[in-house]
Amino acid sequence: MKKITVTPQSGLILEGGGMRGVFTSGVLDCFMDKGIRFPYTIGVSAGACNGLSYMSGQRGRAKYSNIDMLDKYHFIGIKHLIKKGNIMDFDLMFHTFPEEIVPYDYTAFATCNEKYEMVTTSCTTGKACYYDEKHNPKRIIDIVKASSSLPFVCPIAYVDGTPMLDGGIADSIPLLRARELGYNNNVVVLTRNKGYRKKDEESKVPSFFYKKYPNLREAIAQRNMMYNRQIALVEELEDKGELVVIRPTKPITVGRMEKDTSKLLDLYEQGYQAATACL
């Protein structure tokens, strides 16, 4: 297994995956324990959320928000979809939590030397957008909320007045983004086992969804193929020894909207151990 060596050309790419993101929380807590920082980090959806706590150096914060808070506040479920039109309690996740429960350290984030980007998908163009906001707390929350807004079960979010949804629609594993910026010594954190592929076919988008946004509908329809191409590239470069991939080694039993905290804790520990093995 190739070991992690951080250089000025090192990037860290964090896939999403809903509650499977607790694996990433374990990886990032290990990095924080070992004092490992990357010149460039980019996060998508759950990866964007976890990456924020990594950038501010708040070890254990992502684990607390994903596991302890879920056990206490039950912030995922159909009841939220019925009451607020959102399968997750975004008021709790993006306001009460960062403002009151475990306040986010915006100062530490603003003053860190490393570059951090979060990925969203523009509803108008269907293309990925990359944001590196570090100084405006409201805009930071707008971006990470948009990056985490799953299609069909979350309302459209807005960044600078532009309608946005989950970054994983247009760019699930933004390795090419890192390489375009000159970061060629990369670590990719995935939340699926090696060899995983989505069904290599178009996704059906019901006619009553996103009528105003044909490019978004097309991006959602093509997402499976896009994701499979990205995974194929990651595995190709991994086989060539050009990057390090950290992924779950056990079969994944955690769903995107998983509520079993014992499963989540086990996946978190897997992440910590997998990162340790790469150091």
Protein backbone atom coordinates (compact mmCIF):
# COMPACT_ATOMS: atom_id res chain seq x y z
CA MET A 1 0.00 0.00 0.00
CA LYS A 2 1.33 3.43 -0.96
CA LYS A 3 1.78 5.65 2.09
CA ILE A 4 0.71 9.28 2.38
CA THR A 5 3.45 11.84 1.80
CA VAL A 6 2.29 15.45 1.95
CA THR A 7 4.02 17.81 -0.49
CA PRO A 8 3.13 21.30 -1.81
CA GLN A 9 1.25 19.50 -4.62
CA SER A 10 -0.88 17.38 -2.26
CA GLY A 11 -4.66 17.48 -2.37
CA LEU A 12 -7.31 15.78 -0.25
CA ILE A 13 -10.58 14.84 -2.00
CA LEU A 14 -13.60 14.01 0.18
CA GLU A 15 -16.52 12.14 -1.39
CA GLY A 16 -20.05 12.53 -0.04
CA GLY A 17 -22.43 9.70 0.72
CA GLY A 18 -24.83 10.95 3.39
CA MET A 19 -24.38 9.14 6.68
CA ARG A 20 -21.62 7.01 5.15
CA GLY A 21 -19.62 10.20 5.64
CA VAL A 22 -18.89 9.07 9.22
CA PHE A 23 -16.12 7.00 7.61
CA THR A 24 -14.59 10.28 6.45
CA SER A 25 -15.01 11.73 9.95
CA GLY A 26 -12.82 8.91 11.27
CA VAL A 27 -10.19 9.54 8.58
CA LEU A 28 -10.06 13.26 9.34
CA ASP A 29 -9.89 12.77 13.10
CA CYS A 30 -6.88 10.52 12.53
CA PHE A 31 -5.25 13.20 10.38
CA MET A 32 -5.88 15.80 13.08
CA ASP A 33 -4.44 13.51 15.76
CA LYS A 34 -1.29 13.11 13.64
CA GLY A 35 -1.07 16.78 12.69
CA ILE A 36 -1.53 16.08 8.97
CA ARG A 37 -2.67 19.01 6.83
CA PHE A 38 -2.98 19.24 3.07
CA PRO A 39 -2.28 22.38 1.02
CA TYR A 40 -5.61 21.82 -0.72
CA THR A 41 -8.81 20.04 0.35
CA ILE A 42 -12.08 19.75 -1.54
CA GLY A 43 -15.32 18.30 -0.16
CA VAL A 44 -18.64 17.26 -1.66
CA SER A 45 -21.92 17.09 0.28
CA ALA A 46 -21.21 15.14 3.51
CA GLY A 47 -17.54 15.48 2.61
CA ALA A 48 -17.93 19.26 2.57
CA CYS A 49 -19.50 19.19 6.04
CA ASN A 50 -16.78 16.98 7.48
CA GLY A 51 -14.09 19.00 5.76
CA LEU A 52 -15.15 22.20 7.48
CA SER A 53 -14.44 20.74 10.93
CA TYR A 54 -11.10 19.45 9.63
CA MET A 55 -10.14 22.87 8.32
CA SER A 56 -10.96 24.56 11.64
CA GLY A 57 -9.07 21.84 13.53
CA GLN A 58 -12.09 20.83 15.64
CA ARG A 59 -11.26 17.18 16.26
CA GLY A 60 -14.34 15.04 17.04
CA ARG A 61 -16.82 17.71 15.98
CA ALA A 62 -17.94 15.90 12.82
CA LYS A 63 -18.28 12.62 14.71
CA TYR A 64 -20.42 14.34 17.33
CA SER A 65 -22.67 15.95 14.73
CA ASN A 66 -23.16 12.72 12.77
CA ILE A 67 -23.51 10.18 15.58
CA ASP A 68 -24.19 11.76 18.98
CA MET A 69 -26.53 14.40 17.61
CA LEU A 70 -28.42 11.85 15.52
CA ASP A 71 -29.00 9.73 18.60
CA LYS A 72 -30.22 12.75 20.56
CA TYR A 73 -32.11 14.85 17.99
CA HIS A 74 -33.15 12.36 15.25
CA PHE A 75 -32.56 14.94 12.54
CA ILE A 76 -33.23 12.58 9.61
CA GLY A 77 -36.59 11.12 8.67
CA ILE A 78 -39.84 11.24 6.76
CA LYS A 79 -41.39 13.39 9.51
CA HIS A 80 -39.07 16.24 8.52
CA LEU A 81 -39.94 15.76 4.86
CA ILE A 82 -43.66 15.98 5.66
CA LYS A 83 -43.36 18.95 8.04
CA LYS A 84 -40.70 21.03 6.28
CA GLY A 85 -40.28 19.53 2.83
CA ASN A 86 -36.77 18.38 3.73
CA ILE A 87 -35.78 14.89 4.85
CA MET A 88 -33.17 16.45 7.17
CA ASP A 89 -33.60 19.13 9.83
CA PHE A 90 -31.41 21.78 8.20
CA ASP A 91 -32.31 24.35 10.86
CA LEU A 92 -30.68 22.13 13.47
CA MET A 93 -27.77 21.01 11.27
CA PHE A 94 -26.74 24.34 9.79
CA HIS A 95 -27.87 26.85 12.39
CA THR A 96 -28.46 25.51 15.90
CA PHE A 97 -25.51 23.12 15.79
CA PRO A 98 -22.78 25.48 14.44
CA GLU A 99 -24.10 28.46 16.40
CA GLU A 100 -25.04 26.95 19.78
CA ILE A 101 -24.38 23.24 20.34
CA VAL A 102 -20.77 22.94 19.15
CA PRO A 103 -19.97 26.40 17.74
CA TYR A 104 -17.94 26.42 14.56
CA ASP A 105 -14.56 28.13 14.84
CA TYR A 106 -14.85 30.55 11.93
CA THR A 107 -11.71 32.39 13.07
CA ALA A 108 -9.56 29.26 12.88
CA PHE A 109 -10.97 28.51 9.43
CA ALA A 110 -10.42 32.05 8.16
CA THR A 111 -6.83 32.15 9.36
CA CYS A 112 -5.67 28.68 8.26
CA ASN A 113 -3.15 28.72 5.42
CA GLU A 114 -4.62 25.88 3.40
CA LYS A 115 -7.09 26.21 0.51
CA TYR A 116 -10.52 24.62 0.94
CA GLU A 117 -13.23 24.24 -1.70
CA MET A 118 -16.80 22.95 -1.49
CA VAL A 119 -18.72 21.65 -4.49
CA THR A 120 -22.31 22.48 -5.43
CA THR A 121 -24.37 21.86 -8.57
CA SER A 122 -25.96 24.80 -10.36
CA CYS A 123 -29.61 24.15 -11.12
CA THR A 124 -29.50 26.44 -14.15
CA THR A 125 -26.42 25.00 -15.86
CA GLY A 126 -26.27 21.50 -14.36
CA LYS A 127 -22.53 22.07 -13.88
CA ALA A 128 -20.39 21.89 -10.77
CA CYS A 129 -19.50 25.09 -8.93
CA TYR A 130 -16.44 25.35 -6.66
CA TYR A 131 -16.39 27.78 -3.74
CA ASP A 132 -13.50 28.68 -1.44
CA GLU A 133 -15.23 31.16 0.90
CA LYS A 134 -13.39 31.45 4.24
CA HIS A 135 -14.43 34.81 5.71
CA ASN A 136 -18.20 35.26 5.47
CA PRO A 137 -19.96 32.89 7.93
CA LYS A 138 -23.38 33.24 6.30
CA ARG A 139 -21.99 32.48 2.86
CA ILE A 140 -20.02 29.50 4.19
CA ILE A 141 -23.26 28.02 5.57
CA ASP A 142 -25.12 28.79 2.34
CA ILE A 143 -22.48 26.90 0.36
CA VAL A 144 -22.24 23.83 2.59
CA LYS A 145 -26.03 23.67 2.83
CA ALA A 146 -26.30 23.76 -0.97
CA SER A 147 -23.59 21.13 -1.31
CA SER A 148 -25.62 18.85 0.99
CA SER A 149 -29.08 19.44 -0.52
CA LEU A 150 -30.00 16.08 -2.01
CA PRO A 151 -32.24 16.11 -5.08
CA PHE A 152 -35.92 15.20 -4.62
CA VAL A 153 -35.82 15.09 -0.79
CA CYS A 154 -34.32 18.52 0.01
CA PRO A 155 -35.45 21.94 -1.21
CA ILE A 156 -33.33 23.90 -3.66
CA ALA A 157 -30.75 26.02 -1.83
CA TYR A 158 -29.28 29.35 -2.93
CA VAL A 159 -25.74 30.69 -3.05
CA ASP A 160 -25.48 34.37 -4.01
CA GLY A 161 -29.06 34.12 -5.27
CA THR A 162 -28.27 31.22 -7.61
CA PRO A 163 -30.30 27.98 -7.20
CA MET A 164 -28.10 25.06 -6.17
CA LEU A 165 -28.29 21.40 -5.16
CA ASP A 166 -25.96 18.63 -3.99
CA GLY A 167 -22.45 18.85 -5.42
CA GLY A 168 -22.42 15.11 -6.03
CA ILE A 169 -24.88 15.49 -8.90
CA ALA A 170 -22.27 17.12 -11.15
CA ASP A 171 -18.95 16.16 -9.53
CA SER A 172 -19.08 13.33 -6.99
CA ILE A 173 -15.31 12.80 -6.73
CA PRO A 174 -13.61 16.06 -7.77
CA LEU A 175 -10.18 14.59 -8.47
CA LEU A 176 -9.92 16.32 -11.85
CA ARG A 177 -10.63 19.66 -10.16
CA ALA A 178 -7.65 19.11 -7.86
CA ARG A 179 -5.42 18.12 -10.77
CA GLU A 180 -6.52 21.12 -12.83
CA LEU A 181 -5.37 23.36 -9.97
CA GLY A 182 -1.96 21.70 -9.97
CA TYR A 183 -2.42 19.22 -7.13
CA ASN A 184 -1.14 15.92 -8.49
CA ASN A 185 -0.16 14.12 -5.28
CA ASN A 186 -3.62 13.34 -4.01
CA VAL A 187 -5.41 11.37 -1.33
CA VAL A 188 -8.99 10.39 -2.18
CA VAL A 189 -11.38 9.42 0.63
CA LEU A 190 -14.24 7.26 -0.65
CA THR A 191 -17.27 6.00 1.27
CA ARG A 192 -17.81 2.82 -0.76
CA ASN A 193 -15.85 -0.43 -1.01
CA LYS A 194 -13.36 -1.03 -3.79
CA GLY A 195 -15.06 -2.15 -6.98
CA TYR A 196 -18.38 -0.45 -6.23
CA ARG A 197 -20.25 0.87 -9.26
CA LYS A 198 -23.66 2.40 -9.76
CA LYS A 199 -26.04 0.95 -12.33
CA ASP A 200 -24.58 2.09 -15.65
CA GLU A 201 -27.81 3.57 -16.94
CA GLU A 202 -29.66 6.85 -16.93
CA SER A 203 -31.62 7.71 -13.79
CA LYS A 204 -35.30 8.42 -14.30
CA VAL A 205 -36.27 11.96 -13.30
CA PRO A 206 -40.05 12.27 -12.73
CA SER A 207 -41.57 14.85 -15.07
CA PHE A 208 -42.88 16.99 -12.21
CA PHE A 209 -39.39 17.59 -10.74
CA TYR A 210 -37.26 20.58 -11.77
CA LYS A 211 -39.30 21.54 -14.84
CA LYS A 212 -37.59 24.95 -14.85
CA TYR A 213 -34.15 23.37 -14.91
CA PRO A 214 -33.64 21.05 -17.92
CA ASN A 215 -29.85 21.06 -17.48
CA LEU A 216 -30.23 19.90 -13.89
CA ARG A 217 -32.58 17.12 -14.98
CA GLU A 218 -30.00 15.98 -17.52
CA ALA A 219 -27.20 16.07 -14.90
CA ILE A 220 -29.27 13.93 -12.53
CA ALA A 221 -30.09 11.50 -15.34
CA GLN A 222 -26.39 11.14 -16.25
CA ARG A 223 -25.05 10.97 -12.73
CA ASN A 224 -24.55 7.20 -12.57
CA MET A 225 -22.35 7.16 -15.67
CA MET A 226 -20.42 10.22 -14.46
CA TYR A 227 -19.77 8.58 -11.10
CA ASN A 228 -18.61 5.31 -12.66
CA ARG A 229 -16.16 7.19 -14.91
CA GLN A 230 -14.75 9.00 -11.91
CA ILE A 231 -14.32 5.78 -9.93
CA ALA A 232 -12.61 4.15 -12.91
CA LEU A 233 -10.13 7.06 -13.08
CA VAL A 234 -9.46 6.86 -9.34
CA GLU A 235 -8.76 3.12 -9.55
CA GLU A 236 -6.56 3.55 -12.64
CA LEU A 237 -4.38 6.18 -10.96
CA GLU A 238 -4.34 4.16 -7.75
CA ASP A 239 -3.02 1.13 -9.65
CA LYS A 240 -0.31 3.33 -11.19
CA GLY A 241 0.72 4.52 -7.73
CA GLU A 242 -0.21 8.13 -8.54
CA LEU A 243 -2.57 8.60 -5.60
CA VAL A 244 -3.65 7.10 -2.30
CA VAL A 245 -7.23 5.91 -1.82
CA ILE A 246 -8.74 5.48 1.64
CA ARG A 247 -11.97 3.51 1.52
CA PRO A 248 -14.00 1.10 3.69
CA THR A 249 -12.60 -2.42 3.68
CA LYS A 250 -15.64 -4.17 5.15
CA PRO A 251 -18.93 -4.54 3.24
CA ILE A 252 -20.97 -1.37 3.66
CA THR A 253 -24.16 -1.84 5.69
CA VAL A 254 -24.69 1.86 6.37
CA GLY A 255 -27.33 3.56 4.23
CA ARG A 256 -27.30 7.17 3.03
CA MET A 257 -29.96 7.98 5.66
CA GLU A 258 -28.76 5.47 8.27
CA LYS A 259 -30.19 5.87 11.81
CA ASP A 260 -28.44 2.94 13.57
CA THR A 261 -25.74 4.69 15.59
CA SER A 262 -23.90 1.42 16.37
CA LYS A 263 -23.36 0.91 12.63
CA LEU A 264 -22.26 4.51 12.29
CA LEU A 265 -19.76 4.20 15.13
CA ASP A 266 -18.29 1.06 13.56
CA LEU A 267 -17.88 2.84 10.22
CA TYR A 268 -16.23 5.81 11.96
CA GLU A 269 -13.71 3.42 13.56
CA GLN A 270 -13.10 1.85 10.16
CA GLY A 271 -12.23 5.28 8.82
CA TYR A 272 -9.79 6.00 11.63
CA GLN A 273 -8.06 2.64 11.21
CA ALA A 274 -7.91 2.91 7.41
CA ALA A 275 -6.24 6.33 7.66
CA THR A 276 -3.77 5.02 10.24
CA ALA A 277 -2.78 2.20 7.87
CA CYS A 278 -1.84 4.75 5.17
CA LEU A 279 0.51 6.75 7.39
